[in-house]
């Protein structure tokens, strides 16, 4: 799958005035240069979390349901290197899941 297949940008009229339009916009300009741009980073979409005790985990089996601490319609977090970089909504693209970004988080 090419980068173009995996990524798409919003239409200009969908972006609010003064909002960050890309995750790269949240970085200082010096960070966007050099060989670091070719480094692979795992991106994780966090649908929700749950805290279970070991005895509960040991009882999990096929068909078990683990309730996550997130409600329907609540944005999911997109993390890179365990840092939240964006939030968005789960979307279906043909037969795959994706995240449509609704909020880009400004780096600290």
Protein backbone atom coordinates (compact mmCIF):
# COMPACT_ATOMS: atom_id res chain seq x y z
CA UNK A 1 0.00 0.00 0.00
CA UNK A 2 1.50 3.37 -0.98
CA UNK A 3 1.64 6.45 1.24
CA UNK A 4 -0.97 8.05 -1.00
CA UNK A 5 -3.36 5.15 -0.36
CA UNK A 6 -2.90 5.44 3.42
CA UNK A 7 -3.12 9.23 3.76
CA UNK A 8 -5.59 11.82 2.60
CA UNK A 9 -5.94 15.49 3.46
CA UNK A 10 -9.12 17.37 4.35
CA UNK A 11 -10.57 19.88 1.93
CA UNK A 12 -9.42 23.47 2.71
CA UNK A 13 -12.94 24.58 3.65
CA UNK A 14 -13.07 21.86 6.34
CA UNK A 15 -10.19 23.46 8.28
CA UNK A 16 -11.00 26.17 10.79
CA UNK A 17 -9.09 29.45 10.73
CA UNK A 18 -5.92 29.30 12.83
CA UNK A 19 -6.10 25.51 13.29
CA UNK A 20 -3.14 23.22 12.72
CA UNK A 21 -3.68 21.44 9.42
CA UNK A 22 -1.05 18.70 9.81
CA UNK A 23 0.87 17.05 12.63
CA UNK A 24 4.00 18.54 11.04
CA UNK A 25 2.57 22.03 11.58
CA UNK A 26 2.80 21.40 15.33
CA UNK A 27 6.58 20.89 15.16
CA UNK A 28 9.26 23.57 15.24
CA UNK A 29 10.52 24.17 11.68
CA UNK A 30 14.02 22.79 12.42
CA UNK A 31 12.57 19.38 13.30
CA UNK A 32 11.11 18.92 9.81
CA UNK A 33 14.47 18.66 8.07
CA UNK A 34 17.08 15.96 7.56
CA UNK A 35 17.36 12.20 7.53
CA UNK A 36 14.96 11.81 10.45
CA UNK A 37 12.10 12.19 7.96
CA UNK A 38 12.73 8.64 6.68
CA UNK A 39 12.56 6.96 10.12
CA UNK A 40 9.65 4.52 10.60
CA UNK A 41 7.50 5.10 13.69
CA UNK A 42 4.66 2.92 14.91
CA UNK A 43 1.35 4.75 14.98
CA UNK A 44 -1.27 3.42 17.40
CA UNK A 45 -4.98 4.26 17.48
CA UNK A 46 -6.30 3.92 21.03
CA UNK A 47 -9.98 2.98 20.99
CA UNK A 48 -10.12 2.88 24.78
CA UNK A 49 -8.56 1.30 27.82
CA UNK A 50 -9.62 -0.99 30.63
CA UNK A 51 -8.01 -1.97 33.90
CA UNK A 52 -8.36 -5.62 34.88
CA UNK A 53 -6.89 -7.64 37.70
CA UNK A 54 -4.88 -10.73 36.82
CA UNK A 55 -7.68 -13.08 37.86
CA UNK A 56 -10.04 -11.37 35.37
CA UNK A 57 -7.46 -11.60 32.58
CA UNK A 58 -6.97 -15.31 33.24
CA UNK A 59 -10.73 -15.87 32.85
CA UNK A 60 -10.87 -14.23 29.41
CA UNK A 61 -11.66 -16.57 26.56
CA UNK A 62 -13.16 -16.63 23.10
CA UNK A 63 -16.30 -14.48 23.02
CA UNK A 64 -15.40 -12.49 26.14
CA UNK A 65 -16.09 -8.77 25.98
CA UNK A 66 -13.83 -6.26 27.70
CA UNK A 67 -15.60 -2.95 28.27
CA UNK A 68 -13.47 0.04 27.36
CA UNK A 69 -13.60 3.36 29.17
CA UNK A 70 -14.77 5.31 26.13
CA UNK A 71 -18.25 6.06 24.84
CA UNK A 72 -19.52 5.72 21.27
CA UNK A 73 -18.73 8.81 19.23
CA UNK A 74 -15.94 9.94 21.55
CA UNK A 75 -12.73 10.67 19.61
CA UNK A 76 -10.00 8.04 19.58
CA UNK A 77 -6.39 8.98 20.23
CA UNK A 78 -3.64 8.62 17.66
CA UNK A 79 -0.27 8.02 19.33
CA UNK A 80 3.30 8.05 18.02
CA UNK A 81 6.01 6.81 20.38
CA UNK A 82 3.41 6.78 23.20
CA UNK A 83 2.63 10.50 22.71
CA UNK A 84 -0.84 11.66 21.64
CA UNK A 85 -0.39 13.55 18.36
CA UNK A 86 -4.00 13.72 17.18
CA UNK A 87 -7.58 12.68 17.86
CA UNK A 88 -10.17 11.53 15.38
CA UNK A 89 -13.11 9.38 14.42
CA UNK A 90 -13.05 5.77 13.30
CA UNK A 91 -13.96 5.40 9.62
CA UNK A 92 -14.28 2.44 7.27
CA UNK A 93 -12.25 2.56 4.05
CA UNK A 94 -13.38 -0.31 1.82
CA UNK A 95 -12.72 -3.29 4.15
CA UNK A 96 -10.23 -1.57 6.50
CA UNK A 97 -10.51 0.75 9.48
CA UNK A 98 -8.98 4.21 9.53
CA UNK A 99 -8.94 7.34 11.66
CA UNK A 100 -10.17 10.64 10.24
CA UNK A 101 -8.31 13.31 12.20
CA UNK A 102 -10.47 15.94 13.88
CA UNK A 103 -7.85 17.51 16.15
CA UNK A 104 -4.06 17.82 15.86
CA UNK A 105 -2.27 18.17 19.20
CA UNK A 106 0.37 20.89 19.44
CA UNK A 107 3.70 19.46 20.63
CA UNK A 108 5.00 20.61 24.01
